[in-house]
Amino acid sequence: MDNRNDNRVRLARLLGEIAVHEGMHQTLVEGVQVFRRSEPMARAPMVYHPNIVIVGQGQKRAYLGNEVYTYDPFNYLVLSVPMPAECEADASPEEPILIVAIDVEPMMLGELMLEIDDPLPPVSLTPRGISTTPMSEELGGAVIRLLECLKSPLDSRLLGRQIIREIAYRVLLGEQGGALRALANRDDHFARIARVVKYMHTEHAKPITAEELARRAGMSLSIFHHHFKLMTASSPLQYLKRIRLDRAKRLMAHDGYNAGTAARAVGYESASQFSREFKRLFGVTPVEEAEQTRSRLMAQ
């Protein structure tokens, strides 16, 4: 067995020992979560968050427009900005999907970029905010060391952040590291739009226009539209709509909001428009979604 295969087997074993509960869970190291799912997941809309995602076992696919991003034990996923997409997963009770997700930290990326003396490949165009890259032996080894340290509270406290720094460095140097390099360059178009995207997530309930977003990015409206779509495969207002609808679904699922209060909470003034757009995205009306959530809670 070569080193890469040995690393994949070891990574899957360690993740199986750490990710013992279904769903996503925070670990002893800040910014590191593990995920386990024992049932397949049909293709459905979701919002990805800025993460480096390494799969120990199973396979997931992210769909963005006409593009498909497959991540599995051979390919890791990088998300440099929040990304509305669709996702599906292959998993079973006998072979659950096992994942470790590491938060993307722009400050750490910027520090690493300052310390890298060798010139890196230039980022000529605004890169997509999502990419998959083949797992290298060096990155796989760093992830294994991170998982090993997660088994010990002392190791996690003393070594965890250092290993995350190494993982970020390996990803920056990877063949699809351009988006993270662009994020670390605060004057780049990518970084400016990333700050606008963060504002959209924080202030999604406010009335927001494309003109305001362009001003915040320091760009003309046409240039802002162009670079925003290169990065997200979506127009700014389509992106904002997806963020609002996803947030409304979460409010109904986790906080007990009904359809009307969820619509108002995310910035919809028209309940009928909210209902139409919600059903177009999720396949059910907000009322049906709220009823399904209540049924699931009562069955637990």
Protein backbone atom coordinates (compact mmCIF):
# COMPACT_ATOMS: atom_id res chain seq x y z
CA MET A 1 0.00 0.00 0.00
CA ASP A 2 1.50 3.37 -0.99
CA ASN A 3 1.63 6.34 1.35
CA ARG A 4 -1.41 8.06 -0.16
CA ASN A 5 -3.63 5.00 0.23
CA ASP A 6 -2.27 4.46 3.73
CA ASN A 7 -3.07 8.11 4.58
CA ARG A 8 -6.64 7.75 3.26
CA VAL A 9 -7.27 4.62 5.34
CA ARG A 10 -5.82 6.27 8.45
CA LEU A 11 -7.76 9.51 7.90
CA ALA A 12 -11.05 7.60 7.56
CA ARG A 13 -10.32 5.56 10.69
CA LEU A 14 -9.47 8.63 12.77
CA LEU A 15 -12.54 10.52 11.57
CA GLY A 16 -14.71 7.51 12.41
CA GLU A 17 -13.34 7.61 15.96
CA ILE A 18 -13.93 11.36 16.36
CA ALA A 19 -17.16 11.96 14.38
CA VAL A 20 -19.26 9.46 16.33
CA HIS A 21 -22.57 11.38 16.31
CA GLU A 22 -24.79 12.25 13.35
CA GLY A 23 -24.58 15.80 12.03
CA MET A 24 -21.98 18.57 12.38
CA HIS A 25 -20.19 19.04 15.70
CA GLN A 26 -17.55 21.46 17.01
CA THR A 27 -14.27 19.86 18.12
CA LEU A 28 -11.79 20.81 20.84
CA VAL A 29 -10.03 23.14 18.36
CA GLU A 30 -11.83 26.38 17.52
CA GLY A 31 -12.84 26.56 13.88
CA VAL A 32 -12.71 22.79 13.31
CA GLN A 33 -15.91 20.76 12.95
CA VAL A 34 -16.50 17.09 12.17
CA PHE A 35 -19.51 15.69 10.34
CA ARG A 36 -21.09 12.26 10.09
CA ARG A 37 -24.12 11.19 8.03
CA SER A 38 -25.32 7.61 7.67
CA GLU A 39 -28.08 8.15 5.10
CA PRO A 40 -27.83 9.37 1.51
CA MET A 41 -28.96 12.95 0.89
CA ALA A 42 -30.96 13.83 -2.20
CA ARG A 43 -29.94 16.92 -4.14
CA ALA A 44 -31.26 19.98 -2.29
CA PRO A 45 -30.50 23.71 -1.94
CA MET A 46 -28.19 24.83 0.85
CA VAL A 47 -25.72 27.59 1.68
CA TYR A 48 -22.09 26.55 2.07
CA HIS A 49 -19.94 28.53 4.47
CA PRO A 50 -16.24 29.46 4.05
CA ASN A 51 -14.45 26.21 4.82
CA ILE A 52 -11.75 23.79 3.79
CA VAL A 53 -13.64 20.49 3.62
CA ILE A 54 -11.77 17.16 3.73
CA VAL A 55 -13.69 13.91 3.25
CA GLY A 56 -12.43 10.76 4.95
CA GLN A 57 -15.17 8.50 3.64
CA GLY A 58 -18.12 8.80 1.24
CA GLN A 59 -18.77 11.38 -1.45
CA LYS A 60 -20.60 14.69 -1.76
CA ARG A 61 -21.37 16.80 -4.80
CA ALA A 62 -22.04 20.53 -4.94
CA TYR A 63 -23.96 21.94 -7.92
CA LEU A 64 -23.48 25.57 -8.92
CA GLY A 65 -25.18 26.50 -12.17
CA ASN A 66 -23.92 24.00 -14.76
CA GLU A 67 -20.84 23.11 -12.72
CA VAL A 68 -20.43 20.06 -10.46
CA TYR A 69 -17.84 19.95 -7.67
CA THR A 70 -17.18 16.43 -6.36
CA TYR A 71 -15.37 16.04 -3.05
CA ASP A 72 -14.34 12.69 -1.61
CA PRO A 73 -11.21 11.04 -0.12
CA PHE A 74 -9.32 11.97 -3.30
CA ASN A 75 -10.44 15.63 -3.63
CA TYR A 76 -10.99 18.33 -1.02
CA LEU A 77 -13.39 21.29 -1.29
CA VAL A 78 -12.48 24.92 -0.65
CA LEU A 79 -15.09 27.64 -0.10
CA SER A 80 -13.64 31.12 0.24
CA VAL A 81 -17.01 32.91 0.60
CA PRO A 82 -20.55 31.79 1.57
CA MET A 83 -21.96 30.04 -1.48
CA PRO A 84 -25.62 29.18 -2.20
CA ALA A 85 -25.57 25.91 -4.14
CA GLU A 86 -27.22 22.50 -4.24
CA CYS A 87 -25.74 19.47 -2.52
CA GLU A 88 -26.18 15.70 -2.52
CA ALA A 89 -24.34 12.96 -0.62
CA ASP A 90 -23.62 9.26 -0.99
CA ALA A 91 -23.69 7.51 2.38
CA SER A 92 -25.07 4.43 4.15
CA PRO A 93 -25.17 3.06 7.73
CA GLU A 94 -22.40 0.64 6.73
CA GLU A 95 -20.29 3.39 5.13
CA PRO A 96 -21.27 6.81 6.54
CA ILE A 97 -19.87 9.97 5.08
CA LEU A 98 -17.14 11.36 7.37
CA ILE A 99 -15.88 14.94 7.04
CA VAL A 100 -13.64 17.42 8.80
CA ALA A 101 -14.33 21.10 8.02
CA ILE A 102 -11.89 23.90 8.87
CA ASP A 103 -12.98 27.54 8.90
CA VAL A 104 -11.32 29.86 6.40
CA GLU A 105 -9.69 32.72 8.31
CA PRO A 106 -8.73 35.69 6.10
CA MET A 107 -6.38 37.12 8.76
CA MET A 108 -4.38 33.88 8.94
CA LEU A 109 -4.25 33.70 5.13
CA GLY A 110 -2.95 37.27 4.98
CA GLU A 111 -0.22 36.50 7.54
CA LEU A 112 0.86 33.44 5.57
CA MET A 113 0.95 35.39 2.31
CA LEU A 114 3.28 37.96 3.91
CA GLU A 115 5.65 35.20 5.02
CA ILE A 116 5.78 33.34 1.69
CA ASP A 117 8.87 34.68 -0.07
CA ASP A 118 8.56 32.69 -3.30
CA PRO A 119 6.30 34.28 -5.92
CA LEU A 120 2.97 32.51 -6.28
CA PRO A 121 1.04 32.11 -9.55
CA PRO A 122 -0.87 35.36 -10.25
CA VAL A 123 -4.65 35.41 -9.93
CA SER A 124 -5.52 36.94 -13.30
CA LEU A 125 -9.32 36.66 -13.24
CA THR A 126 -11.75 36.80 -10.35
CA PRO A 127 -11.79 33.13 -9.29
CA ARG A 128 -14.89 31.17 -8.35
CA GLY A 129 -15.55 31.11 -4.61
CA ILE A 130 -15.75 27.30 -4.66
CA SER A 131 -13.29 24.73 -5.98
CA THR A 132 -12.17 21.12 -5.61
CA THR A 133 -8.52 20.06 -5.64
CA PRO A 134 -6.78 16.66 -5.55
CA MET A 135 -5.57 15.80 -2.06
CA SER A 136 -1.78 15.93 -1.81
CA GLU A 137 0.29 13.66 0.41
CA GLU A 138 1.53 16.69 2.39
CA LEU A 139 -1.98 18.01 3.05
CA GLY A 140 -3.25 14.54 3.95
CA GLY A 141 -0.43 14.17 6.50
CA ALA A 142 -1.29 17.53 8.09
CA VAL A 143 -4.98 16.60 8.36
CA ILE A 144 -4.05 13.30 10.00
CA ARG A 145 -1.92 15.15 12.58
CA LEU A 146 -4.89 17.46 13.27
CA LEU A 147 -7.22 14.50 13.83
CA GLU A 148 -4.65 12.81 16.08
CA CYS A 149 -4.36 15.93 18.23
CA LEU A 150 -8.18 16.22 18.51
CA LYS A 151 -8.14 13.06 20.65
CA SER A 152 -6.25 14.90 23.41
CA PRO A 153 -7.46 18.12 25.08
CA LEU A 154 -3.87 19.15 25.81
CA ASP A 155 -2.66 18.44 22.27
CA SER A 156 -5.68 20.28 20.89
CA ARG A 157 -4.93 23.35 22.98
CA LEU A 158 -1.19 23.46 22.31
CA LEU A 159 -0.90 22.09 18.77
CA GLY A 160 -4.29 22.54 17.09
CA ARG A 161 -3.86 26.08 15.82
CA GLN A 162 -0.35 25.37 14.53
CA ILE A 163 -1.62 22.45 12.46
CA ILE A 164 -4.51 24.53 11.08
CA ARG A 165 -1.92 27.08 9.99
CA GLU A 166 -0.01 24.34 8.13
CA ILE A 167 -3.23 23.13 6.47
CA ALA A 168 -4.06 26.67 5.33
CA TYR A 169 -0.53 27.00 3.95
CA ARG A 170 -0.83 23.72 2.00
CA VAL A 171 -4.17 24.81 0.55
CA LEU A 172 -2.82 28.25 -0.39
CA LEU A 173 -0.08 26.54 -2.40
CA GLY A 174 -2.51 24.08 -4.00
CA GLU A 175 -3.42 24.28 -7.66
CA GLN A 176 -6.82 25.80 -6.79
CA GLY A 177 -5.52 28.10 -4.05
CA GLY A 178 -6.12 31.22 -6.15
CA ALA A 179 -9.40 32.13 -4.43
CA LEU A 180 -7.77 32.05 -0.99
CA ARG A 181 -4.80 34.05 -2.26
CA ALA A 182 -7.25 36.60 -3.70
CA LEU A 183 -9.13 36.71 -0.39
CA ALA A 184 -5.87 37.50 1.44
CA ASN A 185 -5.12 40.37 -0.97
CA ARG A 186 -7.38 43.06 0.46
CA ASP A 187 -7.18 45.34 -2.60
CA ASP A 188 -8.19 42.64 -5.05
CA HIS A 189 -11.64 42.59 -6.70
CA PHE A 190 -12.28 39.24 -5.02
CA ALA A 191 -11.54 40.55 -1.53
CA ARG A 192 -13.73 43.63 -2.07
CA ILE A 193 -16.66 41.50 -3.17
CA ALA A 194 -16.02 39.08 -0.30
CA ARG A 195 -16.51 41.97 2.13
CA VAL A 196 -19.77 42.87 0.37
CA VAL A 197 -20.91 39.24 0.60
CA LYS A 198 -20.23 39.31 4.35
CA TYR A 199 -22.32 42.48 4.62
CA MET A 200 -25.18 40.80 2.70
CA HIS A 201 -25.20 37.89 5.16
CA THR A 202 -25.16 40.19 8.18
CA GLU A 203 -27.72 42.72 6.91
CA HIS A 204 -29.90 40.53 4.66
CA ALA A 205 -33.12 41.74 6.30
CA LYS A 206 -32.50 45.37 5.27
CA PRO A 207 -33.59 46.82 1.91
CA ILE A 208 -30.47 46.35 -0.23
CA THR A 209 -29.94 47.47 -3.82
CA ALA A 210 -27.30 46.42 -6.33
CA GLU A 211 -26.22 50.07 -6.57
CA GLU A 212 -25.54 50.19 -2.82
CA LEU A 213 -23.52 46.97 -2.98
CA ALA A 214 -21.44 48.30 -5.88
CA ARG A 215 -20.68 51.46 -3.90
CA ARG A 216 -19.58 49.36 -0.93
CA ALA A 217 -17.26 47.42 -3.23
CA GLY A 218 -15.85 50.64 -4.69
CA MET A 219 -16.78 49.59 -8.23
CA SER A 220 -19.06 50.72 -11.00
CA LEU A 221 -22.32 48.77 -11.17
CA SER A 222 -21.36 46.94 -14.38
CA ILE A 223 -17.91 45.91 -13.12
CA PHE A 224 -19.38 44.83 -9.77
CA HIS A 225 -22.00 42.65 -11.52
CA HIS A 226 -19.32 41.09 -13.71
CA HIS A 227 -16.96 40.15 -10.89
CA PHE A 228 -19.76 39.12 -8.51
CA LYS A 229 -21.06 36.63 -11.08
CA LEU A 230 -17.57 35.29 -11.79
CA MET A 231 -17.18 34.60 -8.08
CA THR A 232 -20.64 33.24 -7.21
CA ALA A 233 -22.24 32.20 -10.56
CA SER A 234 -25.15 34.42 -9.52
CA SER A 235 -26.28 38.03 -9.78
CA PRO A 236 -26.12 40.03 -6.52
CA LEU A 237 -29.90 40.14 -6.09
CA GLN A 238 -30.33 36.43 -6.89
CA TYR A 239 -27.65 35.70 -4.30
CA LEU A 240 -29.41 37.89 -1.71
CA LYS A 241 -32.71 36.10 -2.38
CA ARG A 242 -31.10 32.70 -1.80
CA ILE A 243 -29.57 33.90 1.46
CA ARG A 244 -32.92 35.25 2.69
CA LEU A 245 -34.83 32.09 1.79
CA ASP A 246 -32.24 29.82 3.38
CA ARG A 247 -32.30 31.92 6.56
CA ALA A 248 -36.13 31.82 6.63
CA LYS A 249 -36.08 28.03 6.34
CA ARG A 250 -33.64 27.81 9.24
CA LEU A 251 -35.79 30.11 11.38
CA MET A 252 -38.80 27.86 10.80
CA ALA A 253 -36.83 24.65 11.31
CA HIS A 254 -34.83 25.60 14.40
CA ASP A 255 -36.49 28.61 16.03
CA GLY A 256 -40.20 27.84 15.65
CA TYR A 257 -41.05 30.79 13.38
CA ASN A 258 -44.21 30.55 11.31
CA ALA A 259 -44.21 31.50 7.63
CA GLY A 260 -45.29 35.11 8.18
CA THR A 261 -42.80 35.95 10.93
CA ALA A 262 -39.97 34.23 9.03
CA ALA A 263 -40.76 36.24 5.90
CA ARG A 264 -40.68 39.53 7.80
CA ALA A 265 -37.52 38.55 9.69
CA VAL A 266 -35.53 38.09 6.49
CA GLY A 267 -36.76 41.25 4.78
CA TYR A 268 -39.80 40.22 2.71
CA GLU A 269 -42.63 42.77 2.68
CA SER A 270 -44.91 40.60 0.52
CA ALA A 271 -45.99 37.27 2.03
CA SER A 272 -47.23 36.03 -1.35
CA GLN A 273 -43.91 36.79 -3.04
CA PHE A 274 -42.08 35.03 -0.19
CA SER A 275 -44.32 31.96 -0.55
CA ARG A 276 -43.84 31.80 -4.34
CA GLU A 277 -40.07 32.13 -4.19
CA PHE A 278 -39.75 29.71 -1.27
CA LYS A 279 -41.71 27.00 -3.10
CA ARG A 280 -39.73 27.58 -6.31
CA LEU A 281 -36.48 26.96 -4.41
CA PHE A 282 -37.42 24.26 -1.90
CA GLY A 283 -40.35 22.51 -3.61
CA VAL A 284 -42.80 23.14 -0.74
CA THR A 285 -44.61 26.23 0.54
CA PRO A 286 -43.41 27.89 3.76
CA VAL A 287 -46.56 26.65 5.52
CA GLU A 288 -45.86 23.07 4.40
CA GLU A 289 -42.24 23.42 5.52
CA ALA A 290 -43.34 24.64 8.97
CA GLU A 291 -45.84 21.77 9.28
CA GLN A 292 -43.20 19.21 8.26
CA THR A 293 -40.83 20.65 10.86
CA ARG A 294 -43.47 20.42 13.61
CA SER A 295 -44.20 16.80 12.61
CA ARG A 296 -40.52 15.89 12.78
CA LEU A 297 -40.19 17.48 16.22
CA MET A 298 -43.29 15.68 17.54
CA ALA A 299 -41.94 12.35 16.27
CA GLN A 300 -38.68 12.70 18.18
